[in-house]
Amino acid sequence: MSIDDEPGWLAALEEALEIVKADLRASGLPDAVRLHTWDGSPNAGVAAWAGNSSGGGISPEAGRDPVTALVMVADEAQDAIMDSIWGAWPTCPEHGLGVHAREYDGAAVWWCASGGHAVARIGQWPAAPPK
């Protein structure tokens, strides 16, 4: 199955990326990321402003469920963004280590494995304090 087979799934992935963009803005990074597809692959990937792209691991079926779509898109966006900034993004304010997108308690969250806690729902990252 490919993205072309179910156009609504691609729209769901695009909506998920818009939610992830809110976390980029909150953390002070550009929200210039985009979803892309390419010939020969049924999957989608995320490209960041520095030309870095995720591995294209978002299967079309991820668009069936909003929470799954958000976790998958956030994970792929994170890969492209970290390659663009050459560092971890986002990081747990308490532990200073990178967090990971996952489903927790029915929601898509940024999860701190070091502390074993949800830092924020994806799309609700706390705004960076003004410099």
C-alpha atoms as a PDB file:
ATOM      1  CA  MET A   1       0.000   0.000   0.000  1.00  0.00           C
ATOM      2  CA  SER A   2       1.282   3.483  -0.769  1.00  0.00           C
ATOM      3  CA  ILE A   3       0.431   7.030   0.184  1.00  0.00           C
ATOM      4  CA  ASP A   4      -1.291   7.428  -3.179  1.00  0.00           C
ATOM      5  CA  ASP A   5      -3.757   4.647  -2.329  1.00  0.00           C
ATOM      6  CA  GLU A   6      -5.247   6.583   0.593  1.00  0.00           C
ATOM      7  CA  PRO A   7      -4.876  10.372   0.154  1.00  0.00           C
ATOM      8  CA  GLY A   8      -6.527  10.952   3.528  1.00  0.00           C
ATOM      9  CA  TRP A   9      -3.592   9.266   5.226  1.00  0.00           C
ATOM     10  CA  LEU A  10      -1.141  11.752   3.730  1.00  0.00           C
ATOM     11  CA  ALA A  11      -3.389  14.593   4.919  1.00  0.00           C
ATOM     12  CA  ALA A  12      -3.330  13.094   8.435  1.00  0.00           C
ATOM     13  CA  LEU A  13       0.478  12.961   8.348  1.00  0.00           C
ATOM     14  CA  GLU A  14       0.600  16.595   7.162  1.00  0.00           C
ATOM     15  CA  GLU A  15      -1.665  17.593  10.071  1.00  0.00           C
ATOM     16  CA  ALA A  16       0.637  15.747  12.455  1.00  0.00           C
ATOM     17  CA  LEU A  17       3.636  17.653  11.089  1.00  0.00           C
ATOM     18  CA  GLU A  18       1.870  20.950  11.768  1.00  0.00           C
ATOM     19  CA  ILE A  19       1.545  19.890  15.418  1.00  0.00           C
ATOM     20  CA  VAL A  20       5.271  19.025  15.584  1.00  0.00           C
ATOM     21  CA  LYS A  21       6.086  22.451  14.109  1.00  0.00           C
ATOM     22  CA  ALA A  22       4.589  24.035  17.248  1.00  0.00           C
ATOM     23  CA  ASP A  23       7.297  22.301  19.301  1.00  0.00           C
ATOM     24  CA  LEU A  24      10.000  23.593  16.970  1.00  0.00           C
ATOM     25  CA  ARG A  25       8.740  27.154  17.380  1.00  0.00           C
ATOM     26  CA  ALA A  26       8.439  26.741  21.169  1.00  0.00           C
ATOM     27  CA  SER A  27      12.038  25.568  21.374  1.00  0.00           C
ATOM     28  CA  GLY A  28      13.298  28.461  19.236  1.00  0.00           C
ATOM     29  CA  LEU A  29      14.034  26.483  16.058  1.00  0.00           C
ATOM     30  CA  PRO A  30      12.733  27.221  12.566  1.00  0.00           C
ATOM     31  CA  ASP A  31       9.590  25.325  11.656  1.00  0.00           C
ATOM     32  CA  ALA A  32      10.788  24.863   8.072  1.00  0.00           C
ATOM     33  CA  VAL A  33      10.237  21.115   7.905  1.00  0.00           C
ATOM     34  CA  ARG A  34       8.150  19.336   5.308  1.00  0.00           C
ATOM     35  CA  LEU A  35       6.748  15.926   4.581  1.00  0.00           C
ATOM     36  CA  HIS A  36       7.951  14.320   1.367  1.00  0.00           C
ATOM     37  CA  THR A  37       7.449  11.210  -0.679  1.00  0.00           C
ATOM     38  CA  TRP A  38       9.507   9.859  -3.549  1.00  0.00           C
ATOM     39  CA  ASP A  39       9.059   7.507  -6.474  1.00  0.00           C
ATOM     40  CA  GLY A  40       9.587   3.863  -5.699  1.00  0.00           C
ATOM     41  CA  SER A  41       8.765   4.065  -1.991  1.00  0.00           C
ATOM     42  CA  PRO A  42       5.379   3.587  -0.367  1.00  0.00           C
ATOM     43  CA  ASN A  43       6.516   5.612   2.662  1.00  0.00           C
ATOM     44  CA  ALA A  44       6.900   9.268   3.567  1.00  0.00           C
ATOM     45  CA  GLY A  45       9.756  11.082   5.253  1.00  0.00           C
ATOM     46  CA  VAL A  46      10.458  14.478   6.782  1.00  0.00           C
ATOM     47  CA  ALA A  47      12.969  16.983   5.422  1.00  0.00           C
ATOM     48  CA  ALA A  48      14.410  19.814   7.525  1.00  0.00           C
ATOM     49  CA  TRP A  49      15.679  23.266   6.585  1.00  0.00           C
ATOM     50  CA  ALA A  50      19.337  22.208   6.286  1.00  0.00           C
ATOM     51  CA  GLY A  51      18.456  19.703   3.576  1.00  0.00           C
ATOM     52  CA  ASN A  52      18.651  16.774   5.965  1.00  0.00           C
ATOM     53  CA  SER A  53      15.971  14.161   5.659  1.00  0.00           C
ATOM     54  CA  SER A  54      14.710  11.324   7.794  1.00  0.00           C
ATOM     55  CA  GLY A  55      15.037   7.777   6.610  1.00  0.00           C
ATOM     56  CA  GLY A  56      11.508   7.720   5.237  1.00  0.00           C
ATOM     57  CA  GLY A  57      10.067   5.384   7.798  1.00  0.00           C
ATOM     58  CA  ILE A  58       6.489   6.642   7.952  1.00  0.00           C
ATOM     59  CA  SER A  59       4.253   3.982   6.479  1.00  0.00           C
ATOM     60  CA  PRO A  60       0.996   5.143   4.898  1.00  0.00           C
ATOM     61  CA  GLU A  61      -1.018   3.175   7.450  1.00  0.00           C
ATOM     62  CA  ALA A  62       0.274   5.471  10.217  1.00  0.00           C
ATOM     63  CA  GLY A  63      -2.232   8.023   8.941  1.00  0.00           C
ATOM     64  CA  ARG A  64      -5.158   5.830  10.051  1.00  0.00           C
ATOM     65  CA  ASP A  65      -4.816   6.813  13.698  1.00  0.00           C
ATOM     66  CA  PRO A  66      -4.059  10.382  14.839  1.00  0.00           C
ATOM     67  CA  VAL A  67      -1.890   9.339  17.810  1.00  0.00           C
ATOM     68  CA  THR A  68       0.158   6.891  15.738  1.00  0.00           C
ATOM     69  CA  ALA A  69       0.515   9.478  12.966  1.00  0.00           C
ATOM     70  CA  LEU A  70       1.775  12.075  15.441  1.00  0.00           C
ATOM     71  CA  VAL A  71       4.294   9.707  17.057  1.00  0.00           C
ATOM     72  CA  MET A  72       5.638   8.519  13.696  1.00  0.00           C
ATOM     73  CA  VAL A  73       5.888  12.011  12.199  1.00  0.00           C
ATOM     74  CA  ALA A  74       7.504  13.427  15.356  1.00  0.00           C
ATOM     75  CA  ASP A  75      10.068  10.617  15.341  1.00  0.00           C
ATOM     76  CA  GLU A  76      10.959  11.187  11.685  1.00  0.00           C
ATOM     77  CA  ALA A  77      11.045  14.980  12.129  1.00  0.00           C
ATOM     78  CA  GLN A  78      13.313  14.558  15.133  1.00  0.00           C
ATOM     79  CA  ASP A  79      15.823  12.603  13.027  1.00  0.00           C
ATOM     80  CA  ALA A  80      15.946  15.271  10.322  1.00  0.00           C
ATOM     81  CA  ILE A  81      16.138  18.110  12.852  1.00  0.00           C
ATOM     82  CA  MET A  82      18.922  16.530  14.901  1.00  0.00           C
ATOM     83  CA  ASP A  83      20.927  16.019  11.703  1.00  0.00           C
ATOM     84  CA  SER A  84      20.388  19.715  10.934  1.00  0.00           C
ATOM     85  CA  ILE A  85      21.459  21.038  14.338  1.00  0.00           C
ATOM     86  CA  TRP A  86      24.050  18.325  15.073  1.00  0.00           C
ATOM     87  CA  GLY A  87      22.567  17.722  18.485  1.00  0.00           C
ATOM     88  CA  ALA A  88      19.662  16.350  20.458  1.00  0.00           C
ATOM     89  CA  TRP A  89      16.199  17.850  20.049  1.00  0.00           C
ATOM     90  CA  PRO A  90      14.113  18.222  22.102  1.00  0.00           C
ATOM     91  CA  THR A  91      15.792  17.689  25.445  1.00  0.00           C
ATOM     92  CA  CYS A  92      14.275  17.075  28.844  1.00  0.00           C
ATOM     93  CA  PRO A  93      14.453  20.306  30.870  1.00  0.00           C
ATOM     94  CA  GLU A  94      15.036  18.260  34.027  1.00  0.00           C
ATOM     95  CA  HIS A  95      17.661  15.783  32.784  1.00  0.00           C
ATOM     96  CA  GLY A  96      19.214  17.602  29.802  1.00  0.00           C
ATOM     97  CA  LEU A  97      19.002  14.500  27.610  1.00  0.00           C
ATOM     98  CA  GLY A  98      17.108  13.911  24.398  1.00  0.00           C
ATOM     99  CA  VAL A  99      13.539  12.700  24.607  1.00  0.00           C
ATOM    100  CA  HIS A 100      11.692  10.396  22.242  1.00  0.00           C
ATOM    101  CA  ALA A 101       8.248  10.383  20.664  1.00  0.00           C
ATOM    102  CA  ARG A 102       5.973   7.652  21.956  1.00  0.00           C
ATOM    103  CA  GLU A 103       2.401   6.874  22.865  1.00  0.00           C
ATOM    104  CA  TYR A 104       1.635   7.118  26.564  1.00  0.00           C
ATOM    105  CA  ASP A 105      -1.751   6.955  28.214  1.00  0.00           C
ATOM    106  CA  GLY A 106      -3.530   7.361  24.860  1.00  0.00           C
ATOM    107  CA  ALA A 107      -1.581  10.469  23.815  1.00  0.00           C
ATOM    108  CA  ALA A 108       1.491  11.241  21.706  1.00  0.00           C
ATOM    109  CA  VAL A 109       4.177  12.554  24.059  1.00  0.00           C
ATOM    110  CA  TRP A 110       7.849  13.419  24.248  1.00  0.00           C
ATOM    111  CA  TRP A 111       9.158  10.776  26.659  1.00  0.00           C
ATOM    112  CA  CYS A 112      12.267  11.074  28.825  1.00  0.00           C
ATOM    113  CA  ALA A 113      13.687   7.567  29.145  1.00  0.00           C
ATOM    114  CA  SER A 114      16.262   8.786  31.659  1.00  0.00           C
ATOM    115  CA  GLY A 115      13.612   9.951  34.107  1.00  0.00           C
ATOM    116  CA  GLY A 116      10.818   7.635  32.969  1.00  0.00           C
ATOM    117  CA  HIS A 117       8.305  10.425  32.444  1.00  0.00           C
ATOM    118  CA  ALA A 118       6.408  12.350  29.806  1.00  0.00           C
ATOM    119  CA  VAL A 119       7.902  15.817  29.368  1.00  0.00           C
ATOM    120  CA  ALA A 120       5.052  17.202  27.244  1.00  0.00           C
ATOM    121  CA  ARG A 121       2.410  16.193  24.768  1.00  0.00           C
ATOM    122  CA  ILE A 122       3.728  16.520  21.245  1.00  0.00           C
ATOM    123  CA  GLY A 123       2.667  19.965  20.062  1.00  0.00           C
ATOM    124  CA  GLN A 124       2.687  21.411  23.591  1.00  0.00           C
ATOM    125  CA  TRP A 125       6.414  21.810  24.280  1.00  0.00           C
ATOM    126  CA  PRO A 126       6.991  24.559  26.864  1.00  0.00           C
ATOM    127  CA  ALA A 127       8.160  27.795  25.269  1.00  0.00           C
ATOM    128  CA  ALA A 128      11.842  28.608  25.610  1.00  0.00           C
ATOM    129  CA  PRO A 129      12.453  31.504  27.986  1.00  0.00           C
ATOM    130  CA  PRO A 130      13.406  34.777  26.256  1.00  0.00           C
ATOM    131  CA  LYS A 131      17.145  35.424  26.000  1.00  0.00           C
END
